[in-house]
């Protein structure tokens, strides 16, 4: 491939490979032929073919979002993780830099339409999206929030923040904020009932308190 591999390996054994995906990289290919080889899944498979192994996609991150992505190396491991995601036994923690300010913890139960650009709707016409927001520290660009999700809906975090009058820096879909990148990073994924499956990368903007 002519592109530099857009990831770093965080963990690898005979069953899993966990990587830190760069921002502005697709997780999988799209119908655009330009993405056929330039996507994270393709890069991981090129790497694993040297070991006579194969990558199975466990979950995705949006194109603009950076952070932890898990791939299984066999169908049994894939099933374990798929079931954990389906049953909401996976902790997914993000950091986001936002315009506006959040003053206190928020637990949001919302419903999103099943569109290419999802919007808030009601329970009769949408899929449940559960998001938890916590104000953290400030940086020069804005307020840093700690965000965790129980569901993995498309654009869920952007919509949740927009519903609170906030916008992620660099979000041109819901926030209309210009920046060099989308300031959203998935820094921690763990199976709640399996302490051996706990993966993280260093947060980019979040300064966690000593009590956390």
Protein backbone atom coordinates (compact mmCIF):
# COMPACT_ATOMS: atom_id res chain seq x y z
CA UNK A 1 0.00 0.00 0.00
CA UNK A 2 1.14 3.53 -0.69
CA UNK A 3 -0.47 4.96 2.47
CA UNK A 4 1.22 4.96 5.87
CA UNK A 5 -0.68 2.61 8.17
CA UNK A 6 -3.08 4.83 10.17
CA UNK A 7 -2.99 3.01 13.49
CA UNK A 8 -0.84 1.83 16.39
CA UNK A 9 -1.18 -1.60 17.99
CA UNK A 10 -2.25 -1.43 21.64
CA UNK A 11 -2.64 -5.15 22.31
CA UNK A 12 -2.32 -8.41 20.39
CA UNK A 13 -2.57 -12.10 21.20
CA UNK A 14 -3.74 -15.22 19.34
CA UNK A 15 -7.40 -14.13 19.50
CA UNK A 16 -7.46 -10.31 19.34
CA UNK A 17 -5.74 -7.29 17.92
CA UNK A 18 -6.60 -3.91 19.45
CA UNK A 19 -5.43 -0.72 17.78
CA UNK A 20 -5.54 3.05 18.17
CA UNK A 21 -7.15 4.37 14.97
CA UNK A 22 -6.08 7.75 13.65
CA UNK A 23 -8.74 10.38 12.92
CA UNK A 24 -10.04 10.84 9.35
CA UNK A 25 -9.69 7.13 8.59
CA UNK A 26 -12.57 4.82 7.71
CA UNK A 27 -12.99 1.65 9.75
CA UNK A 28 -14.21 -0.29 6.69
CA UNK A 29 -14.47 0.40 2.96
CA UNK A 30 -17.41 2.25 1.41
CA UNK A 31 -18.91 2.10 -2.07
CA UNK A 32 -16.30 4.65 -3.14
CA UNK A 33 -13.53 2.66 -4.84
CA UNK A 34 -10.93 5.00 -3.34
CA UNK A 35 -11.64 3.44 0.07
CA UNK A 36 -11.32 -0.17 -1.07
CA UNK A 37 -7.80 -0.47 0.34
CA UNK A 38 -7.46 2.71 2.38
CA UNK A 39 -9.45 1.70 5.45
CA UNK A 40 -8.48 0.32 8.84
CA UNK A 41 -9.85 -3.19 8.30
CA UNK A 42 -7.85 -3.55 5.10
CA UNK A 43 -4.65 -2.37 6.77
CA UNK A 44 -5.09 -4.79 9.67
CA UNK A 45 -5.69 -7.70 7.29
CA UNK A 46 -2.55 -6.87 5.34
CA UNK A 47 -0.60 -6.99 8.60
CA UNK A 48 -2.21 -10.24 9.77
CA UNK A 49 -1.78 -12.05 6.46
CA UNK A 50 1.93 -12.11 7.18
CA UNK A 51 1.03 -14.29 10.19
CA UNK A 52 -1.55 -16.35 8.25
CA UNK A 53 -4.31 -14.76 10.34
CA UNK A 54 -7.49 -12.83 9.54
CA UNK A 55 -9.25 -9.84 11.12
CA UNK A 56 -12.95 -9.96 12.02
CA UNK A 57 -14.56 -6.58 12.67
CA UNK A 58 -16.02 -6.28 16.17
CA UNK A 59 -17.21 -2.65 16.06
CA UNK A 60 -16.62 0.65 14.25
CA UNK A 61 -15.59 4.22 14.89
CA UNK A 62 -16.75 7.07 12.68
CA UNK A 63 -14.35 8.33 10.02
CA UNK A 64 -13.49 11.51 11.95
CA UNK A 65 -13.19 9.84 15.36
CA UNK A 66 -9.91 8.47 16.68
CA UNK A 67 -9.31 5.84 19.31
CA UNK A 68 -9.59 2.22 20.35
CA UNK A 69 -10.87 -0.34 17.82
CA UNK A 70 -11.04 -4.10 18.48
CA UNK A 71 -10.68 -6.84 15.87
CA UNK A 72 -11.11 -10.56 16.57
CA UNK A 73 -8.87 -13.12 14.91
CA UNK A 74 -11.39 -15.98 14.98
CA UNK A 75 -15.15 -16.40 14.82
CA UNK A 76 -15.47 -17.66 18.41
CA UNK A 77 -13.85 -14.52 19.81
CA UNK A 78 -15.91 -12.39 17.44
CA UNK A 79 -19.09 -13.98 18.80
CA UNK A 80 -18.05 -13.28 22.41
CA UNK A 81 -17.57 -9.58 21.67
CA UNK A 82 -20.63 -9.22 19.44
CA UNK A 83 -22.80 -10.69 22.21
CA UNK A 84 -21.22 -8.37 24.78
CA UNK A 85 -21.96 -5.32 22.61
CA UNK A 86 -25.50 -6.52 21.92
CA UNK A 87 -26.18 -7.11 25.62
CA UNK A 88 -24.63 -3.74 26.56
CA UNK A 89 -21.89 -5.27 28.67
CA UNK A 90 -19.20 -3.09 27.10
CA UNK A 91 -17.89 0.11 28.67
CA UNK A 92 -16.99 2.67 25.99
CA UNK A 93 -15.42 5.91 27.15
CA UNK A 94 -14.70 8.94 24.99
CA UNK A 95 -13.30 12.40 25.47
CA UNK A 96 -14.74 15.36 23.59
CA UNK A 97 -13.76 19.03 23.43
CA UNK A 98 -16.87 21.19 23.10
CA UNK A 99 -18.11 24.69 22.61
CA UNK A 100 -20.49 25.80 25.33
CA UNK A 101 -20.35 24.38 28.84
CA UNK A 102 -21.89 21.49 30.74
CA UNK A 103 -22.28 22.21 34.46
CA UNK A 104 -23.19 18.77 35.81
CA UNK A 105 -23.49 15.08 35.01
CA UNK A 106 -26.20 14.14 32.51
CA UNK A 107 -27.72 10.71 31.77
CA UNK A 108 -29.51 10.90 28.43
CA UNK A 109 -31.96 8.31 27.09
CA UNK A 110 -32.86 9.35 23.56
CA UNK A 111 -34.17 7.85 20.33
CA UNK A 112 -32.48 8.34 16.98
CA UNK A 113 -33.89 7.94 13.50
CA UNK A 114 -32.31 5.32 11.26
CA UNK A 115 -31.10 7.74 8.60
CA UNK A 116 -27.76 8.51 7.01
CA UNK A 117 -27.79 11.65 9.15
CA UNK A 118 -29.78 10.55 12.23
CA UNK A 119 -31.95 12.98 14.17
CA UNK A 120 -33.77 12.87 17.48
CA UNK A 121 -37.15 11.21 17.29
CA UNK A 122 -39.43 9.22 19.65
CA UNK A 123 -39.54 5.63 20.86
CA UNK A 124 -42.08 4.59 18.24
CA UNK A 125 -39.87 5.65 15.35
CA UNK A 126 -36.28 5.37 16.54
CA UNK A 127 -33.58 3.31 18.19
CA UNK A 128 -32.65 3.83 21.83
CA UNK A 129 -29.43 5.76 22.46
CA UNK A 130 -28.06 5.99 26.02
CA UNK A 131 -25.32 8.53 26.67
CA UNK A 132 -23.64 9.71 29.88
CA UNK A 133 -21.91 13.10 29.99
CA UNK A 134 -19.54 14.44 32.63
CA UNK A 135 -17.76 17.81 32.67
CA UNK A 136 -14.03 17.34 33.15
CA UNK A 137 -11.28 19.88 32.60
CA UNK A 138 -10.78 22.95 30.42
CA UNK A 139 -8.18 23.45 27.72
CA UNK A 140 -7.49 26.53 25.61
CA UNK A 141 -9.91 25.38 22.90
CA UNK A 142 -12.89 24.64 25.14
CA UNK A 143 -14.37 22.35 27.78
CA UNK A 144 -13.36 18.69 27.85
CA UNK A 145 -16.15 16.22 28.54
CA UNK A 146 -15.93 12.59 29.54
CA UNK A 147 -18.56 10.68 27.55
CA UNK A 148 -19.64 7.07 27.93
CA UNK A 149 -22.23 5.23 25.89
CA UNK A 150 -24.32 2.12 26.54
CA UNK A 151 -25.45 1.92 22.90
CA UNK A 152 -23.53 2.52 19.71
CA UNK A 153 -25.82 4.46 17.40
CA UNK A 154 -24.49 6.36 14.41
CA UNK A 155 -23.62 9.95 15.42
CA UNK A 156 -24.99 9.27 18.92
CA UNK A 157 -22.49 11.43 20.81
CA UNK A 158 -22.77 14.38 18.43
CA UNK A 159 -26.57 14.34 18.71
CA UNK A 160 -26.52 13.96 22.49
CA UNK A 161 -24.25 16.99 22.84
CA UNK A 162 -26.29 19.03 20.37
CA UNK A 163 -29.41 18.31 22.43
CA UNK A 164 -27.66 20.00 25.37
CA UNK A 165 -26.69 23.06 23.34
CA UNK A 166 -23.11 21.85 22.90
CA UNK A 167 -21.01 21.01 19.87
CA UNK A 168 -17.83 19.02 19.42
CA UNK A 169 -15.06 21.11 17.91
CA UNK A 170 -14.70 20.12 14.29
CA UNK A 171 -18.26 18.75 14.00
CA UNK A 172 -19.62 20.14 10.74
CA UNK A 173 -22.69 17.85 10.73
CA UNK A 174 -24.48 18.95 13.90
CA UNK A 175 -22.35 21.71 15.37
CA UNK A 176 -21.06 23.69 12.37
CA UNK A 177 -17.75 24.21 14.19
CA UNK A 178 -14.55 24.46 12.18
CA UNK A 179 -11.33 22.92 13.51
CA UNK A 180 -8.33 20.97 12.25
CA UNK A 181 -10.02 17.71 13.29
CA UNK A 182 -13.04 16.35 15.12
CA UNK A 183 -12.15 16.58 18.80
CA UNK A 184 -13.61 13.21 19.73
CA UNK A 185 -11.45 10.29 20.85
CA UNK A 186 -12.41 6.84 22.17
CA UNK A 187 -9.76 6.21 24.80
CA UNK A 188 -11.14 3.19 26.71
CA UNK A 189 -13.12 0.03 25.89
CA UNK A 190 -13.67 -2.80 28.37
CA UNK A 191 -15.96 -5.77 28.89
CA UNK A 192 -17.66 -5.09 32.21
CA UNK A 193 -17.70 -8.78 33.25
CA UNK A 194 -14.29 -9.79 31.88
CA UNK A 195 -11.34 -7.96 33.52
CA UNK A 196 -8.91 -9.42 30.97
CA UNK A 197 -10.58 -7.47 28.18
CA UNK A 198 -9.75 -3.90 29.14
CA UNK A 199 -8.04 -1.70 26.52
CA UNK A 200 -7.10 1.95 26.49
CA UNK A 201 -4.93 4.53 24.81
CA UNK A 202 -3.62 7.71 26.38
CA UNK A 203 -6.29 10.44 26.46
CA UNK A 204 -5.47 13.42 24.26
CA UNK A 205 -7.24 16.18 26.19
CA UNK A 206 -8.86 14.63 29.26
CA UNK A 207 -7.23 15.08 32.65
CA UNK A 208 -8.89 12.59 34.97
CA UNK A 209 -9.14 13.47 38.65
CA UNK A 210 -7.09 11.55 41.20
CA UNK A 211 -10.31 10.30 42.77
CA UNK A 212 -11.47 8.72 39.47
